[in-house]
Amino acid sequence: MANIVFLHSLSNAEEAVWLARFKVLLPNETVLPIAQISEQQTKEIEIAIVANPNPDLLARFKNLIWIQSLWAGVEGLVASFKALQGEQAAHMKNVKLVRLIDPQLALTMGQAALTWSLYLYRNIPEYAQQQRNKVWQPLPYEPIANTRVSVLGAGELGVVACKALTRQGFSVNCWSRSEKKIAGVKHFSGEQALISMLAQTDILLCLLPLTEQTRGLLNKQMLSHLPVGGK
């Protein structure tokens, strides 16, 4: 079988972990870091596994037909391709770029969304400060159903986060550029709807990909639509 190149911006220790996993999960393939790839092999390799690689190094592989990202988000990689010029840019237009959809990653993100929402809902920052001051003063809190958590983004990660929050009993809103339907969640789409949703938000979570359309979406003016005390 032809070699597969592993291109990344990871540490040496992280590289070693991934290479060990590739040997287990792809026993019939040879996955090599670029340091072990000869100039002749760069002309033969058709598949690259990547993790935030240097696009100039990636462009050295003239016969690539498939780039497999180890991350769910590939926005940075797409942006770097757009910055390429001439022959490099023409070559990358014909390469299939595939992102990773990992159920475990989505589960982890759902847990993080729930953890931080509960952290804010139950006034943990204030209790932590009390602990440092050696003070104990119970703080009031609303029933969880009265706490409105709004999630920006209805992709794989956003949907799992919304479901985790709904199961816990929060009142959940979700916003995305296009209309979606998630059971038990009030959905918003479009810029005016975003302003409306922010006005109905106690805790705001952003799970949007970083793209040209989303860059700068959350700014001081937009966040000013949050109610007093919104987090």
Protein backbone atom coordinates (compact mmCIF):
# COMPACT_ATOMS: atom_id res chain seq x y z
CA MET A 1 0.00 0.00 0.00
CA ALA A 2 1.12 3.58 -0.65
CA ASN A 3 2.29 5.64 2.30
CA ILE A 4 0.06 8.19 4.04
CA VAL A 5 1.62 11.41 5.30
CA PHE A 6 0.78 12.82 8.73
CA LEU A 7 1.05 16.62 8.73
CA HIS A 8 0.40 18.62 11.88
CA SER A 9 1.40 21.37 14.29
CA LEU A 10 1.50 19.06 17.32
CA SER A 11 4.26 18.46 19.83
CA ASN A 12 6.59 15.48 19.43
CA ALA A 13 4.79 13.71 22.28
CA GLU A 14 1.38 14.24 20.69
CA GLU A 15 2.72 13.06 17.33
CA ALA A 16 3.95 9.85 18.93
CA VAL A 17 0.52 9.18 20.48
CA TRP A 18 -1.24 9.63 17.14
CA LEU A 19 1.26 7.49 15.22
CA ALA A 20 0.80 4.70 17.77
CA ARG A 21 -2.98 4.88 17.34
CA PHE A 22 -2.69 4.80 13.56
CA LYS A 23 -0.72 1.54 13.81
CA VAL A 24 -3.54 0.01 15.83
CA LEU A 25 -6.47 1.40 13.84
CA LEU A 26 -4.89 1.22 10.37
CA PRO A 27 -2.79 -1.95 10.56
CA ASN A 28 -2.60 -2.32 6.78
CA GLU A 29 -1.42 1.25 6.14
CA THR A 30 1.87 3.04 6.64
CA VAL A 31 1.39 6.49 8.15
CA LEU A 32 4.56 8.58 8.32
CA PRO A 33 5.37 12.08 9.61
CA ILE A 34 6.82 14.45 7.05
CA ALA A 35 10.30 14.08 8.56
CA GLN A 36 10.31 10.49 7.30
CA ILE A 37 9.02 11.30 3.80
CA SER A 38 11.51 11.49 0.93
CA GLU A 39 11.23 13.96 -1.94
CA GLN A 40 10.28 11.12 -4.26
CA GLN A 41 7.52 9.99 -1.90
CA THR A 42 5.98 13.48 -1.87
CA LYS A 43 5.21 12.88 -5.56
CA GLU A 44 3.53 9.53 -4.88
CA ILE A 45 1.43 10.10 -1.77
CA GLU A 46 -2.31 10.54 -2.37
CA ILE A 47 -3.65 10.71 1.19
CA ALA A 48 -2.76 13.07 4.04
CA ILE A 49 -3.95 12.97 7.64
CA VAL A 50 -3.72 16.46 9.09
CA ALA A 51 -4.03 18.43 12.32
CA ASN A 52 -3.63 22.16 11.69
CA PRO A 53 -0.80 21.64 9.19
CA ASN A 54 1.39 24.25 7.54
CA PRO A 55 -0.41 24.73 4.16
CA ASP A 56 2.91 25.26 2.37
CA LEU A 57 4.07 21.81 3.47
CA LEU A 58 0.76 20.32 2.40
CA ALA A 59 1.09 21.88 -1.04
CA ARG A 60 4.36 19.97 -1.59
CA PHE A 61 2.30 16.81 -2.13
CA LYS A 62 1.26 17.29 -5.76
CA ASN A 63 -0.78 14.10 -6.15
CA LEU A 64 -3.02 14.38 -3.11
CA ILE A 65 -6.62 13.39 -3.68
CA TRP A 66 -7.79 13.15 -0.04
CA ILE A 67 -7.04 15.20 3.09
CA GLN A 68 -8.44 13.78 6.32
CA SER A 69 -8.60 16.28 9.17
CA LEU A 70 -8.39 14.96 12.72
CA TRP A 71 -10.51 17.87 13.95
CA ALA A 72 -14.22 18.55 13.53
CA GLY A 73 -13.49 22.10 12.40
CA VAL A 74 -11.65 22.72 9.14
CA GLU A 75 -12.31 26.44 8.79
CA GLY A 76 -8.68 27.42 9.38
CA LEU A 77 -7.50 24.91 6.80
CA VAL A 78 -10.00 26.16 4.22
CA ALA A 79 -8.88 29.74 4.85
CA SER A 80 -5.24 28.77 4.40
CA PHE A 81 -6.06 27.09 1.08
CA LYS A 82 -7.69 30.29 -0.13
CA ALA A 83 -4.46 32.15 0.61
CA LEU A 84 -2.44 29.91 -1.72
CA GLN A 85 -1.49 31.30 -5.10
CA GLY A 86 -1.02 29.99 -8.64
CA GLU A 87 -0.28 26.29 -9.12
CA GLN A 88 -0.63 25.52 -5.41
CA ALA A 89 -4.14 26.99 -5.32
CA ALA A 90 -5.20 25.18 -8.51
CA HIS A 91 -4.00 21.86 -7.13
CA MET A 92 -5.82 22.18 -3.80
CA LYS A 93 -9.14 22.91 -5.53
CA ASN A 94 -9.26 19.30 -6.70
CA VAL A 95 -8.46 17.70 -3.34
CA LYS A 96 -11.24 16.25 -1.18
CA LEU A 97 -11.11 17.74 2.33
CA VAL A 98 -12.87 15.61 4.94
CA ARG A 99 -13.54 16.64 8.53
CA LEU A 100 -13.88 14.31 11.49
CA ILE A 101 -17.27 13.68 13.11
CA ASP A 102 -16.45 12.10 16.45
CA PRO A 103 -19.34 11.10 18.75
CA GLN A 104 -16.98 11.21 21.73
CA LEU A 105 -15.94 14.78 20.89
CA ALA A 106 -19.58 15.82 20.65
CA LEU A 107 -20.30 14.13 24.00
CA THR A 108 -17.35 15.93 25.58
CA MET A 109 -18.57 19.26 24.25
CA GLY A 110 -22.07 18.58 25.56
CA GLN A 111 -20.60 17.85 28.99
CA ALA A 112 -18.56 21.07 28.88
CA ALA A 113 -21.62 23.11 27.91
CA LEU A 114 -23.58 21.60 30.79
CA THR A 115 -20.70 22.00 33.26
CA TRP A 116 -20.17 25.70 32.57
CA SER A 117 -23.89 26.44 32.52
CA LEU A 118 -24.35 24.82 35.93
CA TYR A 119 -21.22 26.62 37.13
CA LEU A 120 -22.82 29.97 36.36
CA TYR A 121 -26.38 29.00 37.27
CA ARG A 122 -25.38 27.90 40.79
CA ASN A 123 -23.19 30.98 41.42
CA ILE A 124 -19.95 28.99 41.72
CA PRO A 125 -17.69 32.01 40.95
CA GLU A 126 -19.28 33.91 43.83
CA TYR A 127 -18.98 30.93 46.19
CA ALA A 128 -15.33 30.50 45.19
CA GLN A 129 -14.70 34.12 46.12
CA GLN A 130 -16.49 33.58 49.43
CA GLN A 131 -14.26 30.57 50.09
CA ARG A 132 -11.15 32.66 49.48
CA ASN A 133 -12.53 35.28 51.87
CA LYS A 134 -13.51 32.61 54.43
CA VAL A 135 -17.13 33.69 54.23
CA TRP A 136 -20.26 31.55 53.91
CA GLN A 137 -23.40 33.28 52.68
CA PRO A 138 -25.98 31.22 50.75
CA LEU A 139 -26.95 32.90 47.49
CA PRO A 140 -30.46 32.84 45.96
CA TYR A 141 -31.08 31.15 42.63
CA GLU A 142 -34.03 30.69 40.27
CA PRO A 143 -35.57 27.32 39.41
CA ILE A 144 -33.49 25.83 36.63
CA ALA A 145 -36.42 26.00 34.18
CA ASN A 146 -36.34 29.79 34.55
CA THR A 147 -32.71 29.98 33.44
CA ARG A 148 -32.40 30.60 29.71
CA VAL A 149 -29.29 29.15 28.09
CA SER A 150 -28.70 30.17 24.47
CA VAL A 151 -26.39 28.19 22.20
CA LEU A 152 -24.86 29.76 19.11
CA GLY A 153 -24.43 27.06 16.48
CA ALA A 154 -26.58 24.08 15.54
CA GLY A 155 -23.92 21.79 14.10
CA GLU A 156 -22.94 18.38 15.50
CA LEU A 157 -21.53 19.92 18.70
CA GLY A 158 -24.28 22.48 19.15
CA VAL A 159 -27.08 19.93 18.88
CA VAL A 160 -25.49 17.65 21.48
CA ALA A 161 -24.98 20.63 23.80
CA CYS A 162 -28.62 21.69 23.42
CA LYS A 163 -29.84 18.18 24.24
CA ALA A 164 -27.63 17.94 27.33
CA LEU A 165 -28.89 21.30 28.61
CA THR A 166 -32.52 20.41 27.89
CA ARG A 167 -32.23 17.10 29.76
CA GLN A 168 -30.88 18.97 32.79
CA GLY A 169 -33.96 21.21 32.80
CA PHE A 170 -32.65 24.51 31.42
CA SER A 171 -34.79 26.57 29.07
CA VAL A 172 -32.73 26.30 25.89
CA ASN A 173 -32.52 28.58 22.86
CA CYS A 174 -30.37 27.96 19.80
CA TRP A 175 -29.28 30.20 16.93
CA SER A 176 -27.81 29.28 13.56
CA ARG A 177 -27.54 30.96 10.18
CA SER A 178 -30.12 28.60 8.67
CA GLU A 179 -33.29 27.31 10.28
CA LYS A 180 -33.05 24.09 12.26
CA LYS A 181 -35.39 22.09 14.48
CA ILE A 182 -34.21 20.53 17.74
CA ALA A 183 -36.78 18.93 20.03
CA GLY A 184 -37.45 20.98 23.15
CA VAL A 185 -35.35 23.92 21.92
CA LYS A 186 -36.54 27.32 20.72
CA HIS A 187 -34.69 28.02 17.51
CA PHE A 188 -33.66 31.34 15.97
CA SER A 189 -32.02 32.10 12.61
CA GLY A 190 -30.87 35.31 10.93
CA GLU A 191 -29.25 38.44 12.40
CA GLN A 192 -32.44 40.08 13.67
CA ALA A 193 -33.45 36.82 15.32
CA LEU A 194 -30.03 36.71 17.01
CA ILE A 195 -30.72 40.08 18.63
CA SER A 196 -34.11 38.80 19.76
CA MET A 197 -32.57 35.66 21.22
CA LEU A 198 -29.86 37.56 23.09
CA ALA A 199 -32.55 39.62 24.80
CA GLN A 200 -33.96 36.30 26.12
CA THR A 201 -30.63 34.92 27.37
CA ASP A 202 -29.21 34.42 30.85
CA ILE A 203 -26.21 32.30 29.80
CA LEU A 204 -24.72 32.45 26.30
CA LEU A 205 -22.58 29.65 24.82
CA CYS A 206 -20.81 30.02 21.47
CA LEU A 207 -20.25 26.81 19.46
CA LEU A 208 -20.05 28.46 16.05
CA PRO A 209 -17.24 27.60 13.66
CA LEU A 210 -14.84 30.47 12.98
CA THR A 211 -15.55 31.47 9.38
CA GLU A 212 -15.68 34.67 7.36
CA GLN A 213 -19.41 34.84 8.15
CA THR A 214 -19.03 34.35 11.91
CA ARG A 215 -15.82 36.28 12.57
CA GLY A 216 -16.71 39.36 14.64
CA LEU A 217 -20.36 38.31 14.96
CA LEU A 218 -20.12 38.66 18.73
CA ASN A 219 -18.96 42.17 19.50
CA LYS A 220 -19.67 44.82 22.11
CA GLN A 221 -22.74 46.09 20.29
CA MET A 222 -24.21 42.62 19.81
CA LEU A 223 -23.56 41.59 23.41
CA SER A 224 -25.24 44.78 24.61
CA HIS A 225 -28.55 43.10 23.76
CA LEU A 226 -28.10 40.66 26.63
CA PRO A 227 -30.23 41.42 29.70
CA VAL A 228 -28.53 42.94 32.73
CA GLY A 229 -26.77 40.07 34.48
CA GLY A 230 -26.50 37.95 31.34
CA LYS A 231 -23.36 35.84 31.22
